[in-house]
Amino acid sequence: MKIRDVMSTPVVVVPPVTPVRDVARNMDYSGVGCVVVSEGQGVLGVVTDRDLTLRVLARGGDGDTPVGRVMSERPVVVRPGDDVEVAFDTFRRHSFRRLPVADEAGVVGMLTLDDLLLQMHQLTADLLTPVVKEISEPQRQSD
């Protein structure tokens, strides 16, 4: 299975000069906890709701702080055509829960640990459904 099959779209992308106040509002409006910071096609960084709390509010910053000052720079990025095993391995090696998905044209999605867990749950359900059906049907006795 490919990352493109389980990633979330659309992804929220903001330029690095965007005030964190606007980033927080955008997160709230879009129902996301992470945005990609980009200028053009490349991924410059990511910022999460936790980053805004710890790197802005906890340090006495204000809403006018450019997101480029508080983002996590040079994030690990996966490609839409990568196998999901690449994402599992990346999540295992690092302590984050979200991965930007980008190709040569730019950011195309966001892959979250939740996306992968939901996919695994669905695959397990798909595998077990025929077994449960067979087990729950009355068995015929041979004459």
C-alpha atoms as a PDB file:
ATOM      1  CA  MET A   1       0.000   0.000   0.000  1.00  0.00           C
ATOM      2  CA  LYS A   2       1.222   3.491  -0.821  1.00  0.00           C
ATOM      3  CA  ILE A   3       1.253   6.592   1.362  1.00  0.00           C
ATOM      4  CA  ARG A   4      -1.045   8.360  -1.125  1.00  0.00           C
ATOM      5  CA  ASP A   5      -3.716   5.792  -0.219  1.00  0.00           C
ATOM      6  CA  VAL A   6      -3.843   6.775   3.457  1.00  0.00           C
ATOM      7  CA  MET A   7      -2.637  10.397   3.682  1.00  0.00           C
ATOM      8  CA  SER A   8      -4.952  13.262   4.562  1.00  0.00           C
ATOM      9  CA  THR A   9      -5.700  16.009   2.062  1.00  0.00           C
ATOM     10  CA  PRO A  10      -5.810  18.886   1.644  1.00  0.00           C
ATOM     11  CA  VAL A  11      -2.948  20.000   3.837  1.00  0.00           C
ATOM     12  CA  VAL A  12      -2.718  23.514   5.272  1.00  0.00           C
ATOM     13  CA  VAL A  13       0.341  25.350   3.949  1.00  0.00           C
ATOM     14  CA  VAL A  14       1.453  28.810   5.084  1.00  0.00           C
ATOM     15  CA  PRO A  15       4.428  31.033   4.189  1.00  0.00           C
ATOM     16  CA  PRO A  16       7.056  31.644   6.918  1.00  0.00           C
ATOM     17  CA  VAL A  17       6.031  35.298   7.385  1.00  0.00           C
ATOM     18  CA  THR A  18       2.516  34.342   8.516  1.00  0.00           C
ATOM     19  CA  PRO A  19       1.807  35.583  12.066  1.00  0.00           C
ATOM     20  CA  VAL A  20       1.277  32.715  14.509  1.00  0.00           C
ATOM     21  CA  ARG A  21      -2.112  34.221  15.398  1.00  0.00           C
ATOM     22  CA  ASP A  22      -3.248  33.556  11.813  1.00  0.00           C
ATOM     23  CA  VAL A  23      -1.705  30.088  11.861  1.00  0.00           C
ATOM     24  CA  ALA A  24      -3.659  29.221  15.023  1.00  0.00           C
ATOM     25  CA  ARG A  25      -6.875  30.536  13.494  1.00  0.00           C
ATOM     26  CA  ASN A  26      -6.203  28.529  10.341  1.00  0.00           C
ATOM     27  CA  MET A  27      -5.626  25.385  12.418  1.00  0.00           C
ATOM     28  CA  ASP A  28      -8.881  25.963  14.268  1.00  0.00           C
ATOM     29  CA  TYR A  29     -10.858  26.623  11.091  1.00  0.00           C
ATOM     30  CA  SER A  30      -9.371  23.618   9.262  1.00  0.00           C
ATOM     31  CA  GLY A  31      -9.545  21.266  12.248  1.00  0.00           C
ATOM     32  CA  VAL A  32      -5.851  20.353  12.090  1.00  0.00           C
ATOM     33  CA  GLY A  33      -3.050  20.317  14.632  1.00  0.00           C
ATOM     34  CA  CYS A  34      -0.180  20.860  12.216  1.00  0.00           C
ATOM     35  CA  VAL A  35       0.575  23.077   9.229  1.00  0.00           C
ATOM     36  CA  VAL A  36       3.379  22.995   6.691  1.00  0.00           C
ATOM     37  CA  VAL A  37       5.506  26.095   6.260  1.00  0.00           C
ATOM     38  CA  SER A  38       6.559  26.568   2.649  1.00  0.00           C
ATOM     39  CA  GLU A  39       7.609  29.098   0.074  1.00  0.00           C
ATOM     40  CA  GLY A  40       7.058  27.718  -3.365  1.00  0.00           C
ATOM     41  CA  GLN A  41       7.486  23.984  -3.710  1.00  0.00           C
ATOM     42  CA  GLY A  42       9.817  23.018  -0.869  1.00  0.00           C
ATOM     43  CA  VAL A  43       8.918  22.240   2.707  1.00  0.00           C
ATOM     44  CA  LEU A  44      10.739  24.677   5.005  1.00  0.00           C
ATOM     45  CA  GLY A  45       9.211  23.425   8.219  1.00  0.00           C
ATOM     46  CA  VAL A  46       6.185  22.346  10.172  1.00  0.00           C
ATOM     47  CA  VAL A  47       4.479  23.877  13.157  1.00  0.00           C
ATOM     48  CA  THR A  48       2.084  22.124  15.497  1.00  0.00           C
ATOM     49  CA  ASP A  49      -0.401  23.376  18.034  1.00  0.00           C
ATOM     50  CA  ARG A  50       2.085  22.180  20.672  1.00  0.00           C
ATOM     51  CA  ASP A  51       4.834  24.295  19.068  1.00  0.00           C
ATOM     52  CA  LEU A  52       2.613  27.359  19.283  1.00  0.00           C
ATOM     53  CA  THR A  53       1.948  26.675  22.954  1.00  0.00           C
ATOM     54  CA  LEU A  54       5.526  25.929  24.010  1.00  0.00           C
ATOM     55  CA  ARG A  55       7.509  28.162  21.653  1.00  0.00           C
ATOM     56  CA  VAL A  56       5.237  31.204  21.652  1.00  0.00           C
ATOM     57  CA  LEU A  57       2.787  31.359  24.567  1.00  0.00           C
ATOM     58  CA  ALA A  58       5.032  29.761  27.201  1.00  0.00           C
ATOM     59  CA  ARG A  59       7.862  32.148  26.296  1.00  0.00           C
ATOM     60  CA  GLY A  60       5.738  35.260  26.414  1.00  0.00           C
ATOM     61  CA  GLY A  61       5.574  35.692  22.642  1.00  0.00           C
ATOM     62  CA  ASP A  62       2.743  37.418  20.885  1.00  0.00           C
ATOM     63  CA  GLY A  63       0.460  36.643  17.991  1.00  0.00           C
ATOM     64  CA  ASP A  64       2.503  38.734  15.568  1.00  0.00           C
ATOM     65  CA  THR A  65       5.513  36.386  15.738  1.00  0.00           C
ATOM     66  CA  PRO A  66       6.212  35.002  12.237  1.00  0.00           C
ATOM     67  CA  VAL A  67       5.667  31.269  12.101  1.00  0.00           C
ATOM     68  CA  GLY A  68       9.090  30.881  10.485  1.00  0.00           C
ATOM     69  CA  ARG A  69      10.669  31.731  13.855  1.00  0.00           C
ATOM     70  CA  VAL A  70       8.931  28.928  15.761  1.00  0.00           C
ATOM     71  CA  MET A  71       8.589  26.157  13.177  1.00  0.00           C
ATOM     72  CA  SER A  72      10.536  22.918  13.281  1.00  0.00           C
ATOM     73  CA  GLU A  73      12.948  23.296  10.393  1.00  0.00           C
ATOM     74  CA  ARG A  74      13.831  20.728   7.740  1.00  0.00           C
ATOM     75  CA  PRO A  75      11.188  18.165   8.708  1.00  0.00           C
ATOM     76  CA  VAL A  76      11.322  14.603   7.511  1.00  0.00           C
ATOM     77  CA  VAL A  77       9.151  14.343   4.395  1.00  0.00           C
ATOM     78  CA  VAL A  78       7.752  11.245   2.720  1.00  0.00           C
ATOM     79  CA  ARG A  79       6.624  10.836  -0.877  1.00  0.00           C
ATOM     80  CA  PRO A  80       3.123   9.837  -1.960  1.00  0.00           C
ATOM     81  CA  GLY A  81       4.512   6.843  -3.874  1.00  0.00           C
ATOM     82  CA  ASP A  82       6.461   5.467  -0.901  1.00  0.00           C
ATOM     83  CA  ASP A  83       5.211   2.265   0.684  1.00  0.00           C
ATOM     84  CA  VAL A  84       3.512   2.745   4.043  1.00  0.00           C
ATOM     85  CA  GLU A  85       6.357   0.699   5.545  1.00  0.00           C
ATOM     86  CA  VAL A  86       8.566   3.767   4.967  1.00  0.00           C
ATOM     87  CA  ALA A  87       6.185   5.794   7.127  1.00  0.00           C
ATOM     88  CA  PHE A  88       6.030   3.103   9.834  1.00  0.00           C
ATOM     89  CA  ASP A  89       9.825   3.020   9.930  1.00  0.00           C
ATOM     90  CA  THR A  90      10.026   6.832  10.056  1.00  0.00           C
ATOM     91  CA  PHE A  91       7.526   7.044  12.907  1.00  0.00           C
ATOM     92  CA  ARG A  92       9.470   4.343  14.797  1.00  0.00           C
ATOM     93  CA  ARG A  93      12.788   6.195  14.437  1.00  0.00           C
ATOM     94  CA  HIS A  94      11.446   9.635  15.386  1.00  0.00           C
ATOM     95  CA  SER A  95       9.134  10.912  18.093  1.00  0.00           C
ATOM     96  CA  PHE A  96       6.604  12.764  15.987  1.00  0.00           C
ATOM     97  CA  ARG A  97       3.083  11.932  14.910  1.00  0.00           C
ATOM     98  CA  ARG A  98       2.784  13.727  11.566  1.00  0.00           C
ATOM     99  CA  LEU A  99       4.712  13.620   8.291  1.00  0.00           C
ATOM    100  CA  PRO A 100       4.343  16.038   5.401  1.00  0.00           C
ATOM    101  CA  VAL A 101       3.873  14.296   2.076  1.00  0.00           C
ATOM    102  CA  ALA A 102       5.493  16.038  -0.887  1.00  0.00           C
ATOM    103  CA  ASP A 103       6.507  15.350  -4.443  1.00  0.00           C
ATOM    104  CA  GLU A 104       8.402  17.413  -7.000  1.00  0.00           C
ATOM    105  CA  ALA A 105       5.390  19.729  -7.362  1.00  0.00           C
ATOM    106  CA  GLY A 106       5.214  20.510  -3.637  1.00  0.00           C
ATOM    107  CA  VAL A 107       3.189  19.505  -0.592  1.00  0.00           C
ATOM    108  CA  VAL A 108       0.348  17.127  -1.449  1.00  0.00           C
ATOM    109  CA  GLY A 109      -0.812  15.826   1.926  1.00  0.00           C
ATOM    110  CA  MET A 110      -0.130  15.034   5.545  1.00  0.00           C
ATOM    111  CA  LEU A 111       0.287  11.554   6.959  1.00  0.00           C
ATOM    112  CA  THR A 112      -0.528  11.087  10.610  1.00  0.00           C
ATOM    113  CA  LEU A 113       0.002   8.212  12.943  1.00  0.00           C
ATOM    114  CA  ASP A 114      -3.796   8.170  13.299  1.00  0.00           C
ATOM    115  CA  ASP A 115      -4.158   7.695   9.518  1.00  0.00           C
ATOM    116  CA  LEU A 116      -1.986   4.580   9.705  1.00  0.00           C
ATOM    117  CA  LEU A 117      -3.740   3.209  12.788  1.00  0.00           C
ATOM    118  CA  LEU A 118      -7.159   3.654  11.177  1.00  0.00           C
ATOM    119  CA  GLN A 119      -5.920   1.925   8.023  1.00  0.00           C
ATOM    120  CA  MET A 120      -4.564  -0.995  10.062  1.00  0.00           C
ATOM    121  CA  HIS A 121      -7.889  -1.251  11.902  1.00  0.00           C
ATOM    122  CA  GLN A 122      -9.786  -1.333   8.604  1.00  0.00           C
ATOM    123  CA  LEU A 123      -7.474  -3.985   7.149  1.00  0.00           C
ATOM    124  CA  THR A 124      -7.906  -6.127  10.255  1.00  0.00           C
ATOM    125  CA  ALA A 125     -11.689  -5.750  10.071  1.00  0.00           C
ATOM    126  CA  ASP A 126     -11.644  -6.686   6.381  1.00  0.00           C
ATOM    127  CA  LEU A 127      -9.618  -9.805   7.156  1.00  0.00           C
ATOM    128  CA  LEU A 128     -11.738 -10.880  10.105  1.00  0.00           C
ATOM    129  CA  THR A 129     -15.197 -10.284   8.627  1.00  0.00           C
ATOM    130  CA  PRO A 130     -15.317 -13.534   6.585  1.00  0.00           C
ATOM    131  CA  VAL A 131     -13.925 -15.537   9.517  1.00  0.00           C
ATOM    132  CA  VAL A 132     -16.490 -14.133  11.946  1.00  0.00           C
ATOM    133  CA  LYS A 133     -19.267 -14.767   9.441  1.00  0.00           C
ATOM    134  CA  GLU A 134     -18.228 -18.383   9.011  1.00  0.00           C
ATOM    135  CA  ILE A 135     -17.900 -18.949  12.753  1.00  0.00           C
ATOM    136  CA  SER A 136     -21.249 -17.369  13.569  1.00  0.00           C
ATOM    137  CA  GLU A 137     -23.254 -19.336  10.991  1.00  0.00           C
ATOM    138  CA  PRO A 138     -24.846 -22.536  12.253  1.00  0.00           C
ATOM    139  CA  GLN A 139     -22.894 -25.598  11.264  1.00  0.00           C
ATOM    140  CA  ARG A 140     -24.725 -28.225   9.208  1.00  0.00           C
ATOM    141  CA  GLN A 141     -24.427 -31.745  10.347  1.00  0.00           C
ATOM    142  CA  SER A 142     -23.844 -34.384   7.759  1.00  0.00           C
ATOM    143  CA  ASP A 143     -26.409 -37.138   7.459  1.00  0.00           C
END
